[in-house]
Amino acid sequence: MQATNYIYDTGNTNIILHGRGIRTFETTTRNIVDINTIADIQHCCHLNSAEALSDGHQALTESMFAQLMQELKPFVEAAGRTL
């Protein structure tokens, strides 16, 4: 991540990160995406998702996420779960 930030800070905004995945003991798949790294990347990188060329239009804002959680609440409760 430090290398990515260095590249970005020097003016190159054409950065693509690719997750190779992690090895598991599961026999049906060789590599699984480590979703824990997503939070690390978001915390370390301060890129503007609204300007992303590939999926910026799909990004949820904080208020949109809060609204989604409220809309999902009845389904979560019906499943006997909590948020």
PDB file of N, CA and C in Angstrom:
ATOM      1  N   MET A   1       0.809  -1.176   0.000  1.00  0.00           N
ATOM      2  CA  MET A   1       0.000   0.000   0.000  1.00  0.00           C
ATOM      3  C   MET A   1       0.863   1.254   0.000  1.00  0.00           C
ATOM      4  N   GLN A   2       2.003   1.187   0.649  1.00  0.00           N
ATOM      5  CA  GLN A   2       2.874   2.358   0.654  1.00  0.00           C
ATOM      6  C   GLN A   2       3.355   2.660  -0.756  1.00  0.00           C
ATOM      7  N   ALA A   3       3.646   1.627  -1.523  1.00  0.00           N
ATOM      8  CA  ALA A   3       4.087   1.832  -2.901  1.00  0.00           C
ATOM      9  C   ALA A   3       2.970   2.458  -3.724  1.00  0.00           C
ATOM     10  N   THR A   4       1.745   2.019  -3.498  1.00  0.00           N
ATOM     11  CA  THR A   4       0.603   2.573  -4.218  1.00  0.00           C
ATOM     12  C   THR A   4       0.432   4.048  -3.893  1.00  0.00           C
ATOM     13  N   ASN A   5       0.523   4.390  -2.616  1.00  0.00           N
ATOM     14  CA  ASN A   5       0.409   5.792  -2.218  1.00  0.00           C
ATOM     15  C   ASN A   5       1.545   6.625  -2.790  1.00  0.00           C
ATOM     16  N   TYR A   6       2.744   6.054  -2.841  1.00  0.00           N
ATOM     17  CA  TYR A   6       3.889   6.772  -3.416  1.00  0.00           C
ATOM     18  C   TYR A   6       3.635   7.073  -4.893  1.00  0.00           C
ATOM     19  N   ILE A   7       3.164   6.083  -5.623  1.00  0.00           N
ATOM     20  CA  ILE A   7       2.880   6.271  -7.053  1.00  0.00           C
ATOM     21  C   ILE A   7       1.815   7.341  -7.233  1.00  0.00           C
ATOM     22  N   TYR A   8       0.765   7.282  -6.419  1.00  0.00           N
ATOM     23  CA  TYR A   8      -0.315   8.261  -6.508  1.00  0.00           C
ATOM     24  C   TYR A   8       0.184   9.663  -6.171  1.00  0.00           C
ATOM     25  N   ASP A   9       0.996   9.768  -5.116  1.00  0.00           N
ATOM     26  CA  ASP A   9       1.509  11.073  -4.683  1.00  0.00           C
ATOM     27  C   ASP A   9       2.438  11.709  -5.709  1.00  0.00           C
ATOM     28  N   THR A  10       3.066  10.893  -6.547  1.00  0.00           N
ATOM     29  CA  THR A  10       3.958  11.445  -7.576  1.00  0.00           C
ATOM     30  C   THR A  10       3.201  11.859  -8.833  1.00  0.00           C
ATOM     31  N   GLY A  11       1.867  11.709  -8.812  1.00  0.00           N
ATOM     32  CA  GLY A  11       1.070  12.216  -9.922  1.00  0.00           C
ATOM     33  C   GLY A  11       0.467  11.163 -10.827  1.00  0.00           C
ATOM     34  N   ASN A  12       0.815   9.907 -10.635  1.00  0.00           N
ATOM     35  CA  ASN A  12       0.242   8.852 -11.467  1.00  0.00           C
ATOM     36  C   ASN A  12      -1.027   8.346 -10.806  1.00  0.00           C
ATOM     37  N   THR A  13      -2.178   8.691 -11.374  1.00  0.00           N
ATOM     38  CA  THR A  13      -3.458   8.257 -10.806  1.00  0.00           C
ATOM     39  C   THR A  13      -4.013   7.022 -11.515  1.00  0.00           C
ATOM     40  N   ASN A  14      -3.246   6.465 -12.436  1.00  0.00           N
ATOM     41  CA  ASN A  14      -3.681   5.275 -13.162  1.00  0.00           C
ATOM     42  C   ASN A  14      -3.229   4.031 -12.408  1.00  0.00           C
ATOM     43  N   ILE A  15      -3.902   3.722 -11.318  1.00  0.00           N
ATOM     44  CA  ILE A  15      -3.513   2.627 -10.436  1.00  0.00           C
ATOM     45  C   ILE A  15      -4.620   1.582 -10.426  1.00  0.00           C
ATOM     46  N   ILE A  16      -4.233   0.340 -10.584  1.00  0.00           N
ATOM     47  CA  ILE A  16      -5.173  -0.776 -10.499  1.00  0.00           C
ATOM     48  C   ILE A  16      -4.635  -1.748  -9.458  1.00  0.00           C
ATOM     49  N   LEU A  17      -5.461  -2.081  -8.483  1.00  0.00           N
ATOM     50  CA  LEU A  17      -5.073  -3.059  -7.474  1.00  0.00           C
ATOM     51  C   LEU A  17      -5.780  -4.367  -7.786  1.00  0.00           C
ATOM     52  N   HIS A  18      -5.047  -5.447  -7.653  1.00  0.00           N
ATOM     53  CA  HIS A  18      -5.590  -6.765  -7.967  1.00  0.00           C
ATOM     54  C   HIS A  18      -5.362  -7.676  -6.773  1.00  0.00           C
ATOM     55  N   GLY A  19      -6.429  -8.297  -6.298  1.00  0.00           N
ATOM     56  CA  GLY A  19      -6.297  -9.219  -5.177  1.00  0.00           C
ATOM     57  C   GLY A  19      -6.053 -10.630  -5.671  1.00  0.00           C
ATOM     58  N   ARG A  20      -4.897 -11.199  -5.342  1.00  0.00           N
ATOM     59  CA  ARG A  20      -4.579 -12.564  -5.754  1.00  0.00           C
ATOM     60  C   ARG A  20      -5.333 -13.590  -4.936  1.00  0.00           C
ATOM     61  N   GLY A  21      -5.692 -13.237  -3.742  1.00  0.00           N
ATOM     62  CA  GLY A  21      -6.390 -14.183  -2.883  1.00  0.00           C
ATOM     63  C   GLY A  21      -5.424 -14.847  -1.920  1.00  0.00           C
ATOM     64  N   ILE A  22      -5.985 -15.664  -1.053  1.00  0.00           N
ATOM     65  CA  ILE A  22      -5.189 -16.383  -0.073  1.00  0.00           C
ATOM     66  C   ILE A  22      -5.415 -17.880  -0.259  1.00  0.00           C
ATOM     67  N   ARG A  23      -4.434 -18.665   0.087  1.00  0.00           N
ATOM     68  CA  ARG A  23      -4.588 -20.121  -0.002  1.00  0.00           C
ATOM     69  C   ARG A  23      -5.404 -20.611   1.186  1.00  0.00           C
ATOM     70  N   THR A  24      -6.231 -21.603   0.918  1.00  0.00           N
ATOM     71  CA  THR A  24      -7.038 -22.186   1.987  1.00  0.00           C
ATOM     72  C   THR A  24      -6.861 -23.691   1.975  1.00  0.00           C
ATOM     73  N   PHE A  25      -7.437 -24.359   2.940  1.00  0.00           N
ATOM     74  CA  PHE A  25      -7.408 -25.810   2.989  1.00  0.00           C
ATOM     75  C   PHE A  25      -8.588 -26.409   2.219  1.00  0.00           C
ATOM     76  N   GLU A  26      -9.441 -25.550   1.681  1.00  0.00           N
ATOM     77  CA  GLU A  26     -10.586 -26.006   0.893  1.00  0.00           C
ATOM     78  C   GLU A  26     -10.081 -26.639  -0.395  1.00  0.00           C
ATOM     79  N   THR A  27     -10.633 -27.783  -0.761  1.00  0.00           N
ATOM     80  CA  THR A  27     -10.161 -28.493  -1.950  1.00  0.00           C
ATOM     81  C   THR A  27     -10.860 -28.053  -3.229  1.00  0.00           C
ATOM     82  N   THR A  28     -12.019 -27.396  -3.128  1.00  0.00           N
ATOM     83  CA  THR A  28     -12.753 -27.026  -4.341  1.00  0.00           C
ATOM     84  C   THR A  28     -12.250 -25.731  -4.954  1.00  0.00           C
ATOM     85  N   THR A  29     -11.578 -24.923  -4.171  1.00  0.00           N
ATOM     86  CA  THR A  29     -11.027 -23.682  -4.709  1.00  0.00           C
ATOM     87  C   THR A  29      -9.575 -23.568  -4.302  1.00  0.00           C
ATOM     88  N   ARG A  30      -8.783 -22.998  -5.165  1.00  0.00           N
ATOM     89  CA  ARG A  30      -7.368 -22.847  -4.847  1.00  0.00           C
ATOM     90  C   ARG A  30      -7.110 -21.571  -4.059  1.00  0.00           C
ATOM     91  N   ASN A  31      -7.639 -20.450  -4.540  1.00  0.00           N
ATOM     92  CA  ASN A  31      -7.436 -19.168  -3.874  1.00  0.00           C
ATOM     93  C   ASN A  31      -8.782 -18.513  -3.598  1.00  0.00           C
ATOM     94  N   ILE A  32      -8.883 -17.872  -2.470  1.00  0.00           N
ATOM     95  CA  ILE A  32     -10.107 -17.174  -2.071  1.00  0.00           C
ATOM     96  C   ILE A  32      -9.728 -15.724  -1.831  1.00  0.00           C
ATOM     97  N   VAL A  33     -10.580 -14.806  -2.256  1.00  0.00           N
ATOM     98  CA  VAL A  33     -10.321 -13.391  -2.030  1.00  0.00           C
ATOM     99  C   VAL A  33     -10.413 -13.111  -0.533  1.00  0.00           C
ATOM    100  N   ASP A  34      -9.402 -12.465  -0.008  1.00  0.00           N
ATOM    101  CA  ASP A  34      -9.385 -12.099   1.404  1.00  0.00           C
ATOM    102  C   ASP A  34     -10.114 -10.771   1.550  1.00  0.00           C
ATOM    103  N   ILE A  35     -11.387 -10.824   1.947  1.00  0.00           N
ATOM    104  CA  ILE A  35     -12.187  -9.599   2.000  1.00  0.00           C
ATOM    105  C   ILE A  35     -11.724  -8.656   3.101  1.00  0.00           C
ATOM    106  N   ASN A  36     -10.917  -9.142   4.020  1.00  0.00           N
ATOM    107  CA  ASN A  36     -10.369  -8.257   5.053  1.00  0.00           C
ATOM    108  C   ASN A  36      -9.461  -7.194   4.439  1.00  0.00           C
ATOM    109  N   THR A  37      -8.861  -7.503   3.305  1.00  0.00           N
ATOM    110  CA  THR A  37      -7.962  -6.532   2.686  1.00  0.00           C
ATOM    111  C   THR A  37      -8.720  -5.348   2.105  1.00  0.00           C
ATOM    112  N   ILE A  38      -9.998  -5.525   1.814  1.00  0.00           N
ATOM    113  CA  ILE A  38     -10.784  -4.418   1.256  1.00  0.00           C
ATOM    114  C   ILE A  38     -10.815  -3.256   2.232  1.00  0.00           C
ATOM    115  N   ALA A  39     -11.085  -3.546   3.496  1.00  0.00           N
ATOM    116  CA  ALA A  39     -11.100  -2.483   4.505  1.00  0.00           C
ATOM    117  C   ALA A  39      -9.727  -1.841   4.648  1.00  0.00           C
ATOM    118  N   ASP A  40      -8.674  -2.655   4.585  1.00  0.00           N
ATOM    119  CA  ASP A  40      -7.317  -2.105   4.670  1.00  0.00           C
ATOM    120  C   ASP A  40      -7.034  -1.162   3.512  1.00  0.00           C
ATOM    121  N   ILE A  41      -7.435  -1.567   2.323  1.00  0.00           N
ATOM    122  CA  ILE A  41      -7.197  -0.734   1.146  1.00  0.00           C
ATOM    123  C   ILE A  41      -7.973   0.566   1.251  1.00  0.00           C
ATOM    124  N   GLN A  42      -9.236   0.483   1.669  1.00  0.00           N
ATOM    125  CA  GLN A  42     -10.037   1.693   1.800  1.00  0.00           C
ATOM    126  C   GLN A  42      -9.472   2.618   2.866  1.00  0.00           C
ATOM    127  N   HIS A  43      -8.926   2.040   3.932  1.00  0.00           N
ATOM    128  CA  HIS A  43      -8.359   2.855   5.002  1.00  0.00           C
ATOM    129  C   HIS A  43      -7.044   3.518   4.559  1.00  0.00           C
ATOM    130  N   CYS A  44      -6.249   2.800   3.804  1.00  0.00           N
ATOM    131  CA  CYS A  44      -4.932   3.309   3.411  1.00  0.00           C
ATOM    132  C   CYS A  44      -4.988   4.243   2.211  1.00  0.00           C
ATOM    133  N   CYS A  45      -5.903   3.989   1.305  1.00  0.00           N
ATOM    134  CA  CYS A  45      -5.988   4.793   0.083  1.00  0.00           C
ATOM    135  C   CYS A  45      -7.082   5.837   0.238  1.00  0.00           C
ATOM    136  N   HIS A  46      -6.812   6.975  -0.257  1.00  0.00           N
ATOM    137  CA  HIS A  46      -7.783   8.057  -0.170  1.00  0.00           C
ATOM    138  C   HIS A  46      -8.220   8.468  -1.566  1.00  0.00           C
ATOM    139  N   LEU A  47      -8.523   7.463  -2.385  1.00  0.00           N
ATOM    140  CA  LEU A  47      -8.939   7.727  -3.749  1.00  0.00           C
ATOM    141  C   LEU A  47     -10.427   8.068  -3.755  1.00  0.00           C
ATOM    142  N   ASN A  48     -10.835   8.893  -4.664  1.00  0.00           N
ATOM    143  CA  ASN A  48     -12.222   9.336  -4.746  1.00  0.00           C
ATOM    144  C   ASN A  48     -13.027   8.322  -5.541  1.00  0.00           C
ATOM    145  N   SER A  49     -13.873   7.533  -4.850  1.00  0.00           N
ATOM    146  CA  SER A  49     -14.632   6.498  -5.551  1.00  0.00           C
ATOM    147  C   SER A  49     -15.652   7.082  -6.509  1.00  0.00           C
ATOM    148  N   ALA A  50     -16.068   8.336  -6.295  1.00  0.00           N
ATOM    149  CA  ALA A  50     -17.036   8.955  -7.203  1.00  0.00           C
ATOM    150  C   ALA A  50     -16.432   9.186  -8.579  1.00  0.00           C
ATOM    151  N   GLU A  51     -15.105   9.262  -8.669  1.00  0.00           N
ATOM    152  CA  GLU A  51     -14.435   9.479  -9.939  1.00  0.00           C
ATOM    153  C   GLU A  51     -13.910   8.191 -10.565  1.00  0.00           C
ATOM    154  N   ALA A  52     -14.165   7.054  -9.924  1.00  0.00           N
ATOM    155  CA  ALA A  52     -13.674   5.786 -10.456  1.00  0.00           C
ATOM    156  C   ALA A  52     -14.302   5.510 -11.817  1.00  0.00           C
ATOM    157  N   LEU A  53     -13.485   5.117 -12.763  1.00  0.00           N
ATOM    158  CA  LEU A  53     -13.983   4.892 -14.119  1.00  0.00           C
ATOM    159  C   LEU A  53     -14.777   3.600 -14.234  1.00  0.00           C
ATOM    160  N   SER A  54     -14.423   2.580 -13.457  1.00  0.00           N
ATOM    161  CA  SER A  54     -15.075   1.297 -13.649  1.00  0.00           C
ATOM    162  C   SER A  54     -16.331   1.111 -12.818  1.00  0.00           C
ATOM    163  N   ASP A  55     -16.307   1.496 -11.553  1.00  0.00           N
ATOM    164  CA  ASP A  55     -17.476   1.223 -10.724  1.00  0.00           C
ATOM    165  C   ASP A  55     -17.825   2.349  -9.764  1.00  0.00           C
ATOM    166  N   GLY A  56     -17.416   3.547 -10.055  1.00  0.00           N
ATOM    167  CA  GLY A  56     -17.736   4.681  -9.206  1.00  0.00           C
ATOM    168  C   GLY A  56     -19.229   4.896  -9.065  1.00  0.00           C
ATOM    169  N   HIS A  57     -19.964   4.624 -10.132  1.00  0.00           N
ATOM    170  CA  HIS A  57     -21.415   4.803 -10.096  1.00  0.00           C
ATOM    171  C   HIS A  57     -22.103   3.783  -9.199  1.00  0.00           C
ATOM    172  N   GLN A  58     -21.388   2.720  -8.827  1.00  0.00           N
ATOM    173  CA  GLN A  58     -21.964   1.699  -7.960  1.00  0.00           C
ATOM    174  C   GLN A  58     -21.635   1.934  -6.489  1.00  0.00           C
ATOM    175  N   ALA A  59     -20.748   2.864  -6.203  1.00  0.00           N
ATOM    176  CA  ALA A  59     -20.303   3.087  -4.837  1.00  0.00           C
ATOM    177  C   ALA A  59     -21.429   3.657  -3.979  1.00  0.00           C
ATOM    178  N   LEU A  60     -21.537   3.147  -2.770  1.00  0.00           N
ATOM    179  CA  LEU A  60     -22.529   3.658  -1.828  1.00  0.00           C
ATOM    180  C   LEU A  60     -21.902   4.758  -0.987  1.00  0.00           C
ATOM    181  N   THR A  61     -22.623   5.848  -0.853  1.00  0.00           N
ATOM    182  CA  THR A  61     -22.185   6.890   0.065  1.00  0.00           C
ATOM    183  C   THR A  61     -22.556   6.449   1.478  1.00  0.00           C
ATOM    184  N   GLU A  62     -22.056   7.160   2.471  1.00  0.00           N
ATOM    185  CA  GLU A  62     -22.357   6.799   3.851  1.00  0.00           C
ATOM    186  C   GLU A  62     -23.857   6.877   4.132  1.00  0.00           C
ATOM    187  N   SER A  63     -24.513   7.902   3.610  1.00  0.00           N
ATOM    188  CA  SER A  63     -25.959   8.037   3.843  1.00  0.00           C
ATOM    189  C   SER A  63     -26.737   6.959   3.082  1.00  0.00           C
ATOM    190  N   MET A  64     -26.286   6.598   1.891  1.00  0.00           N
ATOM    191  CA  MET A  64     -26.951   5.536   1.137  1.00  0.00           C
ATOM    192  C   MET A  64     -26.821   4.198   1.861  1.00  0.00           C
ATOM    193  N   PHE A  65     -25.646   3.957   2.455  1.00  0.00           N
ATOM    194  CA  PHE A  65     -25.429   2.717   3.206  1.00  0.00           C
ATOM    195  C   PHE A  65     -26.345   2.672   4.424  1.00  0.00           C
ATOM    196  N   ALA A  66     -26.469   3.796   5.123  1.00  0.00           N
ATOM    197  CA  ALA A  66     -27.352   3.859   6.298  1.00  0.00           C
ATOM    198  C   ALA A  66     -28.795   3.572   5.890  1.00  0.00           C
ATOM    199  N   GLN A  67     -29.225   4.120   4.775  1.00  0.00           N
ATOM    200  CA  GLN A  67     -30.584   3.884   4.284  1.00  0.00           C
ATOM    201  C   GLN A  67     -30.769   2.408   3.919  1.00  0.00           C
ATOM    202  N   LEU A  68     -29.783   1.822   3.276  1.00  0.00           N
ATOM    203  CA  LEU A  68     -29.847   0.407   2.911  1.00  0.00           C
ATOM    204  C   LEU A  68     -29.981  -0.469   4.152  1.00  0.00           C
ATOM    205  N   MET A  69     -29.228  -0.150   5.188  1.00  0.00           N
ATOM    206  CA  MET A  69     -29.312  -0.927   6.427  1.00  0.00           C
ATOM    207  C   MET A  69     -30.704  -0.832   7.047  1.00  0.00           C
ATOM    208  N   GLN A  70     -31.321   0.353   6.982  1.00  0.00           N
ATOM    209  CA  GLN A  70     -32.679   0.513   7.502  1.00  0.00           C
ATOM    210  C   GLN A  70     -33.678  -0.289   6.676  1.00  0.00           C
ATOM    211  N   GLU A  71     -33.495  -0.311   5.366  1.00  0.00           N
ATOM    212  CA  GLU A  71     -34.407  -1.051   4.497  1.00  0.00           C
ATOM    213  C   GLU A  71     -34.252  -2.560   4.668  1.00  0.00           C
ATOM    214  N   LEU A  72     -33.064  -3.014   5.033  1.00  0.00           N
ATOM    215  CA  LEU A  72     -32.815  -4.443   5.211  1.00  0.00           C
ATOM    216  C   LEU A  72     -33.239  -4.949   6.588  1.00  0.00           C
ATOM    217  N   LYS A  73     -33.454  -4.039   7.512  1.00  0.00           N
ATOM    218  CA  LYS A  73     -33.749  -4.407   8.894  1.00  0.00           C
ATOM    219  C   LYS A  73     -34.917  -5.389   9.021  1.00  0.00           C
ATOM    220  N   PRO A  74     -36.069  -5.188   8.345  1.00  0.00           N
ATOM    221  CA  PRO A  74     -37.169  -6.160   8.473  1.00  0.00           C
ATOM    222  C   PRO A  74     -36.788  -7.566   8.001  1.00  0.00           C
ATOM    223  N   PHE A  75     -35.962  -7.658   6.966  1.00  0.00           N
ATOM    224  CA  PHE A  75     -35.538  -8.964   6.461  1.00  0.00           C
ATOM    225  C   PHE A  75     -34.586  -9.647   7.432  1.00  0.00           C
ATOM    226  N   VAL A  76     -33.720  -8.858   8.014  1.00  0.00           N
ATOM    227  CA  VAL A  76     -32.766  -9.375   8.997  1.00  0.00           C
ATOM    228  C   VAL A  76     -33.524  -9.898  10.220  1.00  0.00           C
ATOM    229  N   GLU A  77     -34.497  -9.119  10.693  1.00  0.00           N
ATOM    230  CA  GLU A  77     -35.282  -9.531  11.855  1.00  0.00           C
ATOM    231  C   GLU A  77     -36.132 -10.760  11.550  1.00  0.00           C
ATOM    232  N   ALA A  78     -36.661 -10.835  10.327  1.00  0.00           N
ATOM    233  CA  ALA A  78     -37.455 -12.001   9.932  1.00  0.00           C
ATOM    234  C   ALA A  78     -36.609 -13.283   9.913  1.00  0.00           C
ATOM    235  N   ALA A  79     -35.325 -13.120   9.675  1.00  0.00           N
ATOM    236  CA  ALA A  79     -34.410 -14.260   9.669  1.00  0.00           C
ATOM    237  C   ALA A  79     -33.900 -14.581  11.065  1.00  0.00           C
ATOM    238  N   GLY A  80     -34.377 -13.809  12.061  1.00  0.00           N
ATOM    239  CA  GLY A  80     -33.951 -14.058  13.435  1.00  0.00           C
ATOM    240  C   GLY A  80     -32.546 -13.559  13.724  1.00  0.00           C
ATOM    241  N   ARG A  81     -32.095 -12.593  12.958  1.00  0.00           N
ATOM    242  CA  ARG A  81     -30.742 -12.038  13.114  1.00  0.00           C
ATOM    243  C   ARG A  81     -30.815 -10.588  13.564  1.00  0.00           C
ATOM    244  N   THR A  82     -29.670 -10.023  13.892  1.00  0.00           N
ATOM    245  CA  THR A  82     -29.581  -8.621  14.232  1.00  0.00           C
ATOM    246  C   THR A  82     -28.459  -7.989  13.418  1.00  0.00           C
ATOM    247  N   LEU A  83     -28.576  -6.692  13.222  1.00  0.00           N
ATOM    248  CA  LEU A  83     -27.524  -5.961  12.510  1.00  0.00           C
ATOM    249  C   LEU A  83     -26.470  -5.504  13.481  1.00  0.00           C
TER     250      LEU A  83
END
